[in-house]
Amino acid sequence: MTRSRPRPHRTSPVTFRAGCSREWTLASAEADLAYTELAFSECPSCPHRVEPEGAPPFCTLRPVSAGHPFAALAEWRLPE
């Protein structure tokens, strides 16, 4: 019986979008990424900027094909 070696995990390129609509294509299997460079002139005032206490500020990059994380709540109805 011959044992096969496991193949290395390969990730295909994924296009990520920031809150400002800039896009980056990266080889990643992550659901979202943190963009920490914040090198664009509007970054300091961007509403998508997150400034956690005790950590550097960042912007979240999400795959272009992913829905908004709260999209499912749009159809949620509370009983009266």
N, C-alpha and C. Protein backbone atom coordinates (compact mmCIF):
# COMPACT_ATOMS: atom_id res chain seq x y z
N MET A 1 0.84 -1.17 0.00
CA MET A 1 0.00 0.00 0.00
C MET A 1 0.90 1.25 0.00
N THR A 2 0.62 2.15 -0.90
CA THR A 2 1.40 3.37 -1.03
C THR A 2 0.68 4.52 -0.35
N ARG A 3 1.41 5.21 0.50
CA ARG A 3 0.83 6.39 1.15
C ARG A 3 1.17 7.63 0.34
N SER A 4 0.18 8.45 0.12
CA SER A 4 0.45 9.68 -0.61
C SER A 4 0.75 10.80 0.39
N ARG A 5 1.62 11.68 -0.01
CA ARG A 5 1.96 12.82 0.83
C ARG A 5 0.86 13.86 0.73
N PRO A 6 0.59 14.52 1.84
CA PRO A 6 -0.42 15.59 1.76
C PRO A 6 0.09 16.72 0.88
N ARG A 7 -0.79 17.25 0.09
CA ARG A 7 -0.43 18.37 -0.78
C ARG A 7 -0.42 19.66 0.03
N PRO A 8 0.49 20.57 -0.30
CA PRO A 8 0.49 21.85 0.41
C PRO A 8 -0.79 22.62 0.11
N HIS A 9 -1.31 23.30 1.12
CA HIS A 9 -2.53 24.09 0.95
C HIS A 9 -2.21 25.33 0.11
N ARG A 10 -2.91 25.49 -0.98
CA ARG A 10 -2.71 26.66 -1.84
C ARG A 10 -3.93 27.55 -1.78
N THR A 11 -3.68 28.80 -1.71
CA THR A 11 -4.79 29.74 -1.70
C THR A 11 -4.84 30.46 -3.04
N SER A 12 -6.04 30.68 -3.51
CA SER A 12 -6.17 31.42 -4.75
C SER A 12 -6.34 32.90 -4.42
N PRO A 13 -6.03 33.75 -5.36
CA PRO A 13 -6.15 35.19 -5.11
C PRO A 13 -7.60 35.58 -4.80
N VAL A 14 -7.74 36.45 -3.83
CA VAL A 14 -9.04 36.97 -3.42
C VAL A 14 -8.96 38.49 -3.48
N THR A 15 -9.99 39.12 -4.01
CA THR A 15 -10.02 40.58 -4.04
C THR A 15 -10.75 41.07 -2.80
N PHE A 16 -10.06 41.91 -2.02
CA PHE A 16 -10.61 42.49 -0.80
C PHE A 16 -10.93 43.95 -1.04
N ARG A 17 -11.99 44.45 -0.37
CA ARG A 17 -12.38 45.85 -0.51
C ARG A 17 -12.41 46.50 0.87
N ALA A 18 -11.89 47.72 0.94
CA ALA A 18 -11.92 48.51 2.18
C ALA A 18 -13.20 49.34 2.19
N GLY A 19 -13.46 49.98 3.31
CA GLY A 19 -14.64 50.84 3.42
C GLY A 19 -14.64 51.98 2.43
N CYS A 20 -13.45 52.43 2.02
CA CYS A 20 -13.34 53.53 1.05
C CYS A 20 -13.48 53.04 -0.39
N SER A 21 -13.74 51.75 -0.57
CA SER A 21 -13.93 51.10 -1.88
C SER A 21 -12.63 50.80 -2.61
N ARG A 22 -11.47 51.05 -1.99
CA ARG A 22 -10.21 50.61 -2.61
C ARG A 22 -10.17 49.09 -2.55
N GLU A 23 -9.53 48.49 -3.55
CA GLU A 23 -9.46 47.04 -3.61
C GLU A 23 -8.02 46.55 -3.71
N TRP A 24 -7.74 45.40 -3.09
CA TRP A 24 -6.46 44.72 -3.15
C TRP A 24 -6.73 43.27 -3.47
N THR A 25 -5.92 42.69 -4.34
CA THR A 25 -6.02 41.26 -4.63
C THR A 25 -4.83 40.59 -3.98
N LEU A 26 -5.14 39.66 -3.08
CA LEU A 26 -4.12 38.97 -2.29
C LEU A 26 -4.38 37.47 -2.32
N ALA A 27 -3.32 36.70 -2.15
CA ALA A 27 -3.47 35.26 -2.01
C ALA A 27 -3.80 35.00 -0.54
N SER A 28 -5.08 34.78 -0.25
CA SER A 28 -5.50 34.61 1.13
C SER A 28 -6.76 33.77 1.22
N ALA A 29 -6.88 33.03 2.30
CA ALA A 29 -8.10 32.26 2.56
C ALA A 29 -8.83 32.85 3.76
N GLU A 30 -8.44 34.05 4.19
CA GLU A 30 -9.04 34.67 5.36
C GLU A 30 -10.40 35.27 5.02
N ALA A 31 -11.28 35.28 6.02
CA ALA A 31 -12.61 35.87 5.83
C ALA A 31 -12.55 37.39 5.76
N ASP A 32 -11.65 37.98 6.50
CA ASP A 32 -11.40 39.42 6.40
C ASP A 32 -10.01 39.70 6.93
N LEU A 33 -9.50 40.85 6.62
CA LEU A 33 -8.15 41.23 7.00
C LEU A 33 -8.17 42.63 7.59
N ALA A 34 -7.15 42.96 8.35
CA ALA A 34 -7.01 44.31 8.87
C ALA A 34 -5.97 45.05 8.05
N TYR A 35 -6.35 46.22 7.57
CA TYR A 35 -5.43 47.07 6.82
C TYR A 35 -4.88 48.09 7.81
N THR A 36 -3.61 47.97 8.14
CA THR A 36 -3.03 48.81 9.18
C THR A 36 -2.16 49.96 8.66
N GLU A 37 -1.86 49.98 7.37
CA GLU A 37 -0.99 51.04 6.87
C GLU A 37 -1.69 52.40 6.90
N LEU A 38 -2.96 52.44 6.52
CA LEU A 38 -3.76 53.67 6.52
C LEU A 38 -3.01 54.84 5.91
N ALA A 39 -2.52 54.64 4.70
CA ALA A 39 -1.63 55.59 4.06
C ALA A 39 -2.33 56.62 3.17
N PHE A 40 -3.65 56.56 3.04
CA PHE A 40 -4.34 57.49 2.15
C PHE A 40 -4.78 58.73 2.93
N SER A 41 -4.88 59.84 2.25
CA SER A 41 -5.15 61.12 2.92
C SER A 41 -6.47 61.12 3.70
N GLU A 42 -7.47 60.37 3.25
CA GLU A 42 -8.76 60.37 3.95
C GLU A 42 -8.82 59.36 5.11
N CYS A 43 -7.78 58.55 5.28
CA CYS A 43 -7.80 57.54 6.35
C CYS A 43 -8.05 58.11 7.75
N PRO A 44 -7.44 59.24 8.15
CA PRO A 44 -7.70 59.74 9.51
C PRO A 44 -9.16 60.08 9.79
N SER A 45 -9.93 60.44 8.77
CA SER A 45 -11.33 60.80 8.99
C SER A 45 -12.32 59.78 8.43
N CYS A 46 -11.84 58.66 7.96
CA CYS A 46 -12.70 57.64 7.35
C CYS A 46 -13.63 57.02 8.41
N PRO A 47 -14.93 56.91 8.13
CA PRO A 47 -15.84 56.30 9.11
C PRO A 47 -15.61 54.81 9.31
N HIS A 48 -14.83 54.18 8.46
CA HIS A 48 -14.55 52.75 8.58
C HIS A 48 -13.29 52.47 9.41
N ARG A 49 -12.62 53.51 9.83
CA ARG A 49 -11.41 53.37 10.64
C ARG A 49 -11.78 52.91 12.05
N VAL A 50 -11.05 51.95 12.55
CA VAL A 50 -11.26 51.43 13.90
C VAL A 50 -10.04 51.79 14.73
N GLU A 51 -10.27 52.36 15.89
CA GLU A 51 -9.17 52.75 16.77
C GLU A 51 -9.32 52.05 18.12
N PRO A 52 -8.85 50.79 18.21
CA PRO A 52 -8.98 50.07 19.48
C PRO A 52 -8.04 50.63 20.54
N GLU A 53 -8.48 50.56 21.79
CA GLU A 53 -7.65 51.05 22.88
C GLU A 53 -6.44 50.14 23.04
N GLY A 54 -5.25 50.74 23.06
CA GLY A 54 -4.02 49.99 23.26
C GLY A 54 -3.50 49.26 22.03
N ALA A 55 -4.04 49.54 20.86
CA ALA A 55 -3.58 48.90 19.62
C ALA A 55 -3.61 49.93 18.50
N PRO A 56 -2.85 49.69 17.43
CA PRO A 56 -2.85 50.66 16.32
C PRO A 56 -4.19 50.67 15.58
N PRO A 57 -4.57 51.80 14.99
CA PRO A 57 -5.80 51.86 14.22
C PRO A 57 -5.72 50.99 12.97
N PHE A 58 -6.89 50.58 12.47
CA PHE A 58 -6.93 49.74 11.27
C PHE A 58 -8.27 49.91 10.56
N CYS A 59 -8.31 49.39 9.35
CA CYS A 59 -9.53 49.32 8.55
C CYS A 59 -9.73 47.85 8.20
N THR A 60 -10.97 47.40 8.19
CA THR A 60 -11.22 46.01 7.85
C THR A 60 -11.40 45.86 6.35
N LEU A 61 -10.70 44.89 5.78
CA LEU A 61 -10.85 44.54 4.36
C LEU A 61 -11.69 43.27 4.30
N ARG A 62 -12.72 43.28 3.47
CA ARG A 62 -13.56 42.09 3.31
C ARG A 62 -13.54 41.66 1.85
N PRO A 63 -13.68 40.35 1.60
CA PRO A 63 -13.72 39.90 0.21
C PRO A 63 -14.87 40.59 -0.54
N VAL A 64 -14.62 40.95 -1.78
CA VAL A 64 -15.62 41.62 -2.61
C VAL A 64 -16.88 40.78 -2.72
N SER A 65 -16.74 39.46 -2.77
CA SER A 65 -17.89 38.58 -2.96
C SER A 65 -18.69 38.35 -1.68
N ALA A 66 -18.17 38.79 -0.52
CA ALA A 66 -18.86 38.56 0.75
C ALA A 66 -19.93 39.62 0.97
N GLY A 67 -21.02 39.20 1.57
CA GLY A 67 -22.07 40.14 1.91
C GLY A 67 -21.66 40.93 3.14
N HIS A 68 -22.38 41.99 3.42
CA HIS A 68 -22.11 42.77 4.61
C HIS A 68 -22.38 41.89 5.83
N PRO A 69 -21.55 41.97 6.88
CA PRO A 69 -21.74 41.07 8.01
C PRO A 69 -23.09 41.21 8.70
N PHE A 70 -23.77 42.33 8.55
CA PHE A 70 -25.08 42.50 9.17
C PHE A 70 -26.23 42.41 8.17
N ALA A 71 -25.96 41.95 6.95
CA ALA A 71 -26.99 41.89 5.91
C ALA A 71 -28.17 41.01 6.33
N ALA A 72 -27.92 39.94 7.05
CA ALA A 72 -28.99 39.04 7.47
C ALA A 72 -29.98 39.74 8.40
N LEU A 73 -29.53 40.75 9.12
CA LEU A 73 -30.42 41.47 10.04
C LEU A 73 -31.45 42.33 9.30
N ALA A 74 -31.22 42.63 8.04
CA ALA A 74 -32.14 43.47 7.28
C ALA A 74 -33.51 42.83 7.15
N GLU A 75 -33.57 41.51 7.15
CA GLU A 75 -34.85 40.81 7.00
C GLU A 75 -35.42 40.34 8.33
N TRP A 76 -34.75 40.64 9.41
CA TRP A 76 -35.18 40.19 10.73
C TRP A 76 -36.34 41.06 11.21
N ARG A 77 -37.42 40.45 11.63
CA ARG A 77 -38.60 41.16 12.11
C ARG A 77 -38.86 40.78 13.58
N LEU A 78 -38.97 41.79 14.39
CA LEU A 78 -39.28 41.56 15.81
C LEU A 78 -40.80 41.47 15.99
N PRO A 79 -41.24 40.55 16.83
CA PRO A 79 -42.69 40.50 17.08
C PRO A 79 -43.13 41.75 17.85
N GLU A 80 -44.32 42.22 17.55
CA GLU A 80 -44.79 43.44 18.22
C GLU A 80 -45.43 43.12 19.54
